[in-house]
Amino acid sequence: MSEQAKAAIATVLGRIQRDPRVAYYICPMTDAYNKLVAAHCELNGLNEADFRKEFEATLEFEAPPEAA
């Protein structure tokens, strides 16, 4: 599989992990997140349940400020 695809997915997962505002929108309850994690695990030969448990424990979520 493409190393570029692996790198792109890892970059987005890293951003979700580092930025609570991004995690607020792309969270474990969204289809986009679920597809991203499934692809990451498939491409890297990881157990999805184990990855989710470890990765999601590191996430923080921050709602955007109210619109004025």
PDB file of N, CA and C in Angstrom:
ATOM      1  N   MET A   1       0.844  -1.181   0.000  1.00  0.00           N
ATOM      2  CA  MET A   1       0.000   0.000   0.000  1.00  0.00           C
ATOM      3  C   MET A   1       0.884   1.237   0.000  1.00  0.00           C
ATOM      4  N   SER A   2       0.343   2.309  -0.382  1.00  0.00           N
ATOM      5  CA  SER A   2       1.076   3.557  -0.550  1.00  0.00           C
ATOM      6  C   SER A   2       1.610   4.116   0.767  1.00  0.00           C
ATOM      7  N   GLU A   3       2.882   4.410   0.764  1.00  0.00           N
ATOM      8  CA  GLU A   3       3.481   5.061   1.937  1.00  0.00           C
ATOM      9  C   GLU A   3       2.906   6.461   2.119  1.00  0.00           C
ATOM     10  N   GLN A   4       2.501   7.076   1.015  1.00  0.00           N
ATOM     11  CA  GLN A   4       1.882   8.405   1.102  1.00  0.00           C
ATOM     12  C   GLN A   4       0.549   8.333   1.832  1.00  0.00           C
ATOM     13  N   ALA A   5      -0.214   7.287   1.586  1.00  0.00           N
ATOM     14  CA  ALA A   5      -1.496   7.128   2.278  1.00  0.00           C
ATOM     15  C   ALA A   5      -1.259   6.929   3.770  1.00  0.00           C
ATOM     16  N   LYS A   6      -0.299   6.101   4.114  1.00  0.00           N
ATOM     17  CA  LYS A   6       0.029   5.884   5.528  1.00  0.00           C
ATOM     18  C   LYS A   6       0.429   7.188   6.200  1.00  0.00           C
ATOM     19  N   ALA A   7       1.282   7.946   5.510  1.00  0.00           N
ATOM     20  CA  ALA A   7       1.758   9.213   6.071  1.00  0.00           C
ATOM     21  C   ALA A   7       0.616  10.217   6.226  1.00  0.00           C
ATOM     22  N   ALA A   8      -0.281  10.275   5.249  1.00  0.00           N
ATOM     23  CA  ALA A   8      -1.408  11.211   5.320  1.00  0.00           C
ATOM     24  C   ALA A   8      -2.319  10.866   6.493  1.00  0.00           C
ATOM     25  N   ILE A   9      -2.630   9.599   6.657  1.00  0.00           N
ATOM     26  CA  ILE A   9      -3.501   9.173   7.752  1.00  0.00           C
ATOM     27  C   ILE A   9      -2.836   9.454   9.093  1.00  0.00           C
ATOM     28  N   ALA A  10      -1.557   9.134   9.213  1.00  0.00           N
ATOM     29  CA  ALA A  10      -0.833   9.376  10.465  1.00  0.00           C
ATOM     30  C   ALA A  10      -0.798  10.865  10.797  1.00  0.00           C
ATOM     31  N   THR A  11      -0.676  11.705   9.781  1.00  0.00           N
ATOM     32  CA  THR A  11      -0.663  13.150   9.991  1.00  0.00           C
ATOM     33  C   THR A  11      -1.997  13.642  10.555  1.00  0.00           C
ATOM     34  N   VAL A  12      -3.100  13.166   9.998  1.00  0.00           N
ATOM     35  CA  VAL A  12      -4.420  13.589  10.475  1.00  0.00           C
ATOM     36  C   VAL A  12      -4.666  13.052  11.893  1.00  0.00           C
ATOM     37  N   LEU A  13      -4.314  11.802  12.147  1.00  0.00           N
ATOM     38  CA  LEU A  13      -4.478  11.261  13.497  1.00  0.00           C
ATOM     39  C   LEU A  13      -3.640  12.047  14.502  1.00  0.00           C
ATOM     40  N   GLY A  14      -2.446  12.429  14.107  1.00  0.00           N
ATOM     41  CA  GLY A  14      -1.592  13.237  14.987  1.00  0.00           C
ATOM     42  C   GLY A  14      -2.215  14.589  15.283  1.00  0.00           C
ATOM     43  N   ARG A  15      -2.813  15.187  14.282  1.00  0.00           N
ATOM     44  CA  ARG A  15      -3.467  16.495  14.481  1.00  0.00           C
ATOM     45  C   ARG A  15      -4.664  16.365  15.420  1.00  0.00           C
ATOM     46  N   ILE A  16      -5.436  15.293  15.260  1.00  0.00           N
ATOM     47  CA  ILE A  16      -6.571  15.040  16.155  1.00  0.00           C
ATOM     48  C   ILE A  16      -6.069  14.886  17.585  1.00  0.00           C
ATOM     49  N   GLN A  17      -4.941  14.226  17.732  1.00  0.00           N
ATOM     50  CA  GLN A  17      -4.384  13.965  19.069  1.00  0.00           C
ATOM     51  C   GLN A  17      -3.820  15.236  19.708  1.00  0.00           C
ATOM     52  N   ARG A  18      -3.260  16.119  18.901  1.00  0.00           N
ATOM     53  CA  ARG A  18      -2.624  17.326  19.442  1.00  0.00           C
ATOM     54  C   ARG A  18      -3.556  18.511  19.609  1.00  0.00           C
ATOM     55  N   ASP A  19      -4.650  18.540  18.865  1.00  0.00           N
ATOM     56  CA  ASP A  19      -5.501  19.726  18.852  1.00  0.00           C
ATOM     57  C   ASP A  19      -6.925  19.384  19.288  1.00  0.00           C
ATOM     58  N   PRO A  20      -7.296  19.729  20.509  1.00  0.00           N
ATOM     59  CA  PRO A  20      -8.630  19.402  21.007  1.00  0.00           C
ATOM     60  C   PRO A  20      -9.764  19.983  20.171  1.00  0.00           C
ATOM     61  N   ARG A  21      -9.490  21.072  19.455  1.00  0.00           N
ATOM     62  CA  ARG A  21     -10.524  21.668  18.593  1.00  0.00           C
ATOM     63  C   ARG A  21     -10.780  20.791  17.372  1.00  0.00           C
ATOM     64  N   VAL A  22      -9.737  20.186  16.841  1.00  0.00           N
ATOM     65  CA  VAL A  22      -9.903  19.252  15.722  1.00  0.00           C
ATOM     66  C   VAL A  22     -10.589  17.982  16.214  1.00  0.00           C
ATOM     67  N   ALA A  23     -10.173  17.494  17.380  1.00  0.00           N
ATOM     68  CA  ALA A  23     -10.768  16.283  17.953  1.00  0.00           C
ATOM     69  C   ALA A  23     -12.260  16.478  18.227  1.00  0.00           C
ATOM     70  N   TYR A  24     -12.660  17.702  18.492  1.00  0.00           N
ATOM     71  CA  TYR A  24     -14.079  17.986  18.733  1.00  0.00           C
ATOM     72  C   TYR A  24     -14.904  17.666  17.483  1.00  0.00           C
ATOM     73  N   TYR A  25     -14.348  17.956  16.313  1.00  0.00           N
ATOM     74  CA  TYR A  25     -15.073  17.738  15.064  1.00  0.00           C
ATOM     75  C   TYR A  25     -14.862  16.349  14.472  1.00  0.00           C
ATOM     76  N   ILE A  26     -13.664  15.817  14.620  1.00  0.00           N
ATOM     77  CA  ILE A  26     -13.364  14.479  14.100  1.00  0.00           C
ATOM     78  C   ILE A  26     -13.124  13.590  15.317  1.00  0.00           C
ATOM     79  N   CYS A  27     -14.208  13.145  15.900  1.00  0.00           N
ATOM     80  CA  CYS A  27     -14.153  12.395  17.152  1.00  0.00           C
ATOM     81  C   CYS A  27     -14.599  10.948  16.934  1.00  0.00           C
ATOM     82  N   PRO A  28     -14.442  10.097  17.944  1.00  0.00           N
ATOM     83  CA  PRO A  28     -14.826   8.690  17.799  1.00  0.00           C
ATOM     84  C   PRO A  28     -16.300   8.456  17.461  1.00  0.00           C
ATOM     85  N   MET A  29     -17.116   9.481  17.530  1.00  0.00           N
ATOM     86  CA  MET A  29     -18.528   9.312  17.194  1.00  0.00           C
ATOM     87  C   MET A  29     -18.830   9.664  15.739  1.00  0.00           C
ATOM     88  N   THR A  30     -17.791  10.020  14.961  1.00  0.00           N
ATOM     89  CA  THR A  30     -18.012  10.415  13.570  1.00  0.00           C
ATOM     90  C   THR A  30     -17.586   9.314  12.605  1.00  0.00           C
ATOM     91  N   ASP A  31     -18.249   9.291  11.480  1.00  0.00           N
ATOM     92  CA  ASP A  31     -17.920   8.337  10.429  1.00  0.00           C
ATOM     93  C   ASP A  31     -16.510   8.575   9.903  1.00  0.00           C
ATOM     94  N   ALA A  32     -16.126   9.824   9.759  1.00  0.00           N
ATOM     95  CA  ALA A  32     -14.794  10.145   9.250  1.00  0.00           C
ATOM     96  C   ALA A  32     -13.712   9.568  10.156  1.00  0.00           C
ATOM     97  N   TYR A  33     -13.864   9.729  11.454  1.00  0.00           N
ATOM     98  CA  TYR A  33     -12.894   9.203  12.412  1.00  0.00           C
ATOM     99  C   TYR A  33     -12.835   7.684  12.324  1.00  0.00           C
ATOM    100  N   ASN A  34     -13.999   7.046  12.293  1.00  0.00           N
ATOM    101  CA  ASN A  34     -14.040   5.590  12.252  1.00  0.00           C
ATOM    102  C   ASN A  34     -13.375   5.038  11.000  1.00  0.00           C
ATOM    103  N   LYS A  35     -13.592   5.676   9.870  1.00  0.00           N
ATOM    104  CA  LYS A  35     -12.948   5.246   8.625  1.00  0.00           C
ATOM    105  C   LYS A  35     -11.446   5.493   8.669  1.00  0.00           C
ATOM    106  N   LEU A  36     -11.050   6.604   9.237  1.00  0.00           N
ATOM    107  CA  LEU A  36      -9.636   6.936   9.361  1.00  0.00           C
ATOM    108  C   LEU A  36      -8.901   5.911  10.223  1.00  0.00           C
ATOM    109  N   VAL A  37      -9.469   5.584  11.367  1.00  0.00           N
ATOM    110  CA  VAL A  37      -8.851   4.610  12.265  1.00  0.00           C
ATOM    111  C   VAL A  37      -8.819   3.228  11.618  1.00  0.00           C
ATOM    112  N   ALA A  38      -9.894   2.822  10.980  1.00  0.00           N
ATOM    113  CA  ALA A  38      -9.930   1.514  10.327  1.00  0.00           C
ATOM    114  C   ALA A  38      -8.857   1.415   9.246  1.00  0.00           C
ATOM    115  N   ALA A  39      -8.717   2.467   8.443  1.00  0.00           N
ATOM    116  CA  ALA A  39      -7.701   2.478   7.389  1.00  0.00           C
ATOM    117  C   ALA A  39      -6.294   2.433   7.988  1.00  0.00           C
ATOM    118  N   HIS A  40      -6.070   3.217   9.028  1.00  0.00           N
ATOM    119  CA  HIS A  40      -4.759   3.245   9.682  1.00  0.00           C
ATOM    120  C   HIS A  40      -4.386   1.853  10.200  1.00  0.00           C
ATOM    121  N   CYS A  41      -5.319   1.224  10.863  1.00  0.00           N
ATOM    122  CA  CYS A  41      -5.045  -0.103  11.430  1.00  0.00           C
ATOM    123  C   CYS A  41      -4.838  -1.141  10.342  1.00  0.00           C
ATOM    124  N   GLU A  42      -5.639  -1.094   9.301  1.00  0.00           N
ATOM    125  CA  GLU A  42      -5.499  -2.044   8.196  1.00  0.00           C
ATOM    126  C   GLU A  42      -4.141  -1.891   7.503  1.00  0.00           C
ATOM    127  N   LEU A  43      -3.763  -0.656   7.219  1.00  0.00           N
ATOM    128  CA  LEU A  43      -2.506  -0.400   6.513  1.00  0.00           C
ATOM    129  C   LEU A  43      -1.277  -0.740   7.339  1.00  0.00           C
ATOM    130  N   ASN A  44      -1.414  -0.680   8.658  1.00  0.00           N
ATOM    131  CA  ASN A  44      -0.262  -0.901   9.528  1.00  0.00           C
ATOM    132  C   ASN A  44      -0.312  -2.220  10.290  1.00  0.00           C
ATOM    133  N   GLY A  45      -1.304  -3.053   9.993  1.00  0.00           N
ATOM    134  CA  GLY A  45      -1.409  -4.363  10.626  1.00  0.00           C
ATOM    135  C   GLY A  45      -1.650  -4.298  12.126  1.00  0.00           C
ATOM    136  N   LEU A  46      -2.450  -3.323  12.544  1.00  0.00           N
ATOM    137  CA  LEU A  46      -2.723  -3.130  13.969  1.00  0.00           C
ATOM    138  C   LEU A  46      -4.090  -3.680  14.337  1.00  0.00           C
ATOM    139  N   ASN A  47      -4.218  -4.122  15.575  1.00  0.00           N
ATOM    140  CA  ASN A  47      -5.515  -4.535  16.097  1.00  0.00           C
ATOM    141  C   ASN A  47      -6.306  -3.256  16.374  1.00  0.00           C
ATOM    142  N   GLU A  48      -7.453  -3.125  15.735  1.00  0.00           N
ATOM    143  CA  GLU A  48      -8.216  -1.873  15.827  1.00  0.00           C
ATOM    144  C   GLU A  48      -8.708  -1.589  17.240  1.00  0.00           C
ATOM    145  N   ALA A  49      -9.187  -2.597  17.927  1.00  0.00           N
ATOM    146  CA  ALA A  49      -9.700  -2.393  19.291  1.00  0.00           C
ATOM    147  C   ALA A  49      -8.578  -1.917  20.215  1.00  0.00           C
ATOM    148  N   ASP A  50      -7.403  -2.515  20.095  1.00  0.00           N
ATOM    149  CA  ASP A  50      -6.265  -2.105  20.927  1.00  0.00           C
ATOM    150  C   ASP A  50      -5.827  -0.687  20.595  1.00  0.00           C
ATOM    151  N   PHE A  51      -5.751  -0.386  19.300  1.00  0.00           N
ATOM    152  CA  PHE A  51      -5.354   0.961  18.894  1.00  0.00           C
ATOM    153  C   PHE A  51      -6.325   2.000  19.431  1.00  0.00           C
ATOM    154  N   ARG A  52      -7.622   1.742  19.250  1.00  0.00           N
ATOM    155  CA  ARG A  52      -8.639   2.690  19.723  1.00  0.00           C
ATOM    156  C   ARG A  52      -8.513   2.932  21.227  1.00  0.00           C
ATOM    157  N   LYS A  53      -8.355   1.877  21.982  1.00  0.00           N
ATOM    158  CA  LYS A  53      -8.268   2.005  23.443  1.00  0.00           C
ATOM    159  C   LYS A  53      -7.103   2.912  23.837  1.00  0.00           C
ATOM    160  N   GLU A  54      -5.944   2.679  23.247  1.00  0.00           N
ATOM    161  CA  GLU A  54      -4.756   3.468  23.590  1.00  0.00           C
ATOM    162  C   GLU A  54      -4.845   4.891  23.046  1.00  0.00           C
ATOM    163  N   PHE A  55      -5.222   5.027  21.793  1.00  0.00           N
ATOM    164  CA  PHE A  55      -5.254   6.343  21.147  1.00  0.00           C
ATOM    165  C   PHE A  55      -6.329   7.238  21.745  1.00  0.00           C
ATOM    166  N   GLU A  56      -7.524   6.706  21.908  1.00  0.00           N
ATOM    167  CA  GLU A  56      -8.633   7.525  22.391  1.00  0.00           C
ATOM    168  C   GLU A  56      -8.448   7.973  23.833  1.00  0.00           C
ATOM    169  N   ALA A  57      -7.653   7.242  24.610  1.00  0.00           N
ATOM    170  CA  ALA A  57      -7.361   7.655  25.979  1.00  0.00           C
ATOM    171  C   ALA A  57      -6.523   8.935  26.009  1.00  0.00           C
ATOM    172  N   THR A  58      -5.884   9.264  24.895  1.00  0.00           N
ATOM    173  CA  THR A  58      -5.025  10.451  24.839  1.00  0.00           C
ATOM    174  C   THR A  58      -5.753  11.689  24.313  1.00  0.00           C
ATOM    175  N   LEU A  59      -6.983  11.522  23.846  1.00  0.00           N
ATOM    176  CA  LEU A  59      -7.686  12.635  23.208  1.00  0.00           C
ATOM    177  C   LEU A  59      -8.338  13.566  24.219  1.00  0.00           C
ATOM    178  N   GLU A  60      -8.329  14.834  23.854  1.00  0.00           N
ATOM    179  CA  GLU A  60      -9.066  15.861  24.585  1.00  0.00           C
ATOM    180  C   GLU A  60      -9.938  16.576  23.563  1.00  0.00           C
ATOM    181  N   PHE A  61     -11.065  17.085  24.027  1.00  0.00           N
ATOM    182  CA  PHE A  61     -12.016  17.726  23.127  1.00  0.00           C
ATOM    183  C   PHE A  61     -12.322  19.138  23.621  1.00  0.00           C
ATOM    184  N   GLU A  62     -12.339  20.081  22.689  1.00  0.00           N
ATOM    185  CA  GLU A  62     -12.632  21.471  23.038  1.00  0.00           C
ATOM    186  C   GLU A  62     -13.632  22.037  22.036  1.00  0.00           C
ATOM    187  N   ALA A  63     -14.791  22.400  22.533  1.00  0.00           N
ATOM    188  CA  ALA A  63     -15.808  22.983  21.670  1.00  0.00           C
ATOM    189  C   ALA A  63     -15.339  24.344  21.172  1.00  0.00           C
ATOM    190  N   PRO A  64     -15.762  24.708  19.976  1.00  0.00           N
ATOM    191  CA  PRO A  64     -15.384  26.026  19.448  1.00  0.00           C
ATOM    192  C   PRO A  64     -16.086  27.111  20.263  1.00  0.00           C
ATOM    193  N   PRO A  65     -15.512  28.313  20.272  1.00  0.00           N
ATOM    194  CA  PRO A  65     -16.177  29.414  20.995  1.00  0.00           C
ATOM    195  C   PRO A  65     -17.514  29.737  20.340  1.00  0.00           C
ATOM    196  N   GLU A  66     -18.405  30.221  21.145  1.00  0.00           N
ATOM    197  CA  GLU A  66     -19.728  30.606  20.643  1.00  0.00           C
ATOM    198  C   GLU A  66     -19.590  31.716  19.615  1.00  0.00           C
ATOM    199  N   ALA A  67     -20.390  31.632  18.575  1.00  0.00           N
ATOM    200  CA  ALA A  67     -20.381  32.681  17.543  1.00  0.00           C
ATOM    201  C   ALA A  67     -21.007  33.951  18.122  1.00  0.00           C
ATOM    202  N   ALA A  68     -20.415  35.061  17.811  1.00  0.00           N
ATOM    203  CA  ALA A  68     -20.919  36.342  18.331  1.00  0.00           C
ATOM    204  C   ALA A  68     -22.079  36.851  17.527  1.00  0.00           C
TER     205      ALA A  68
END
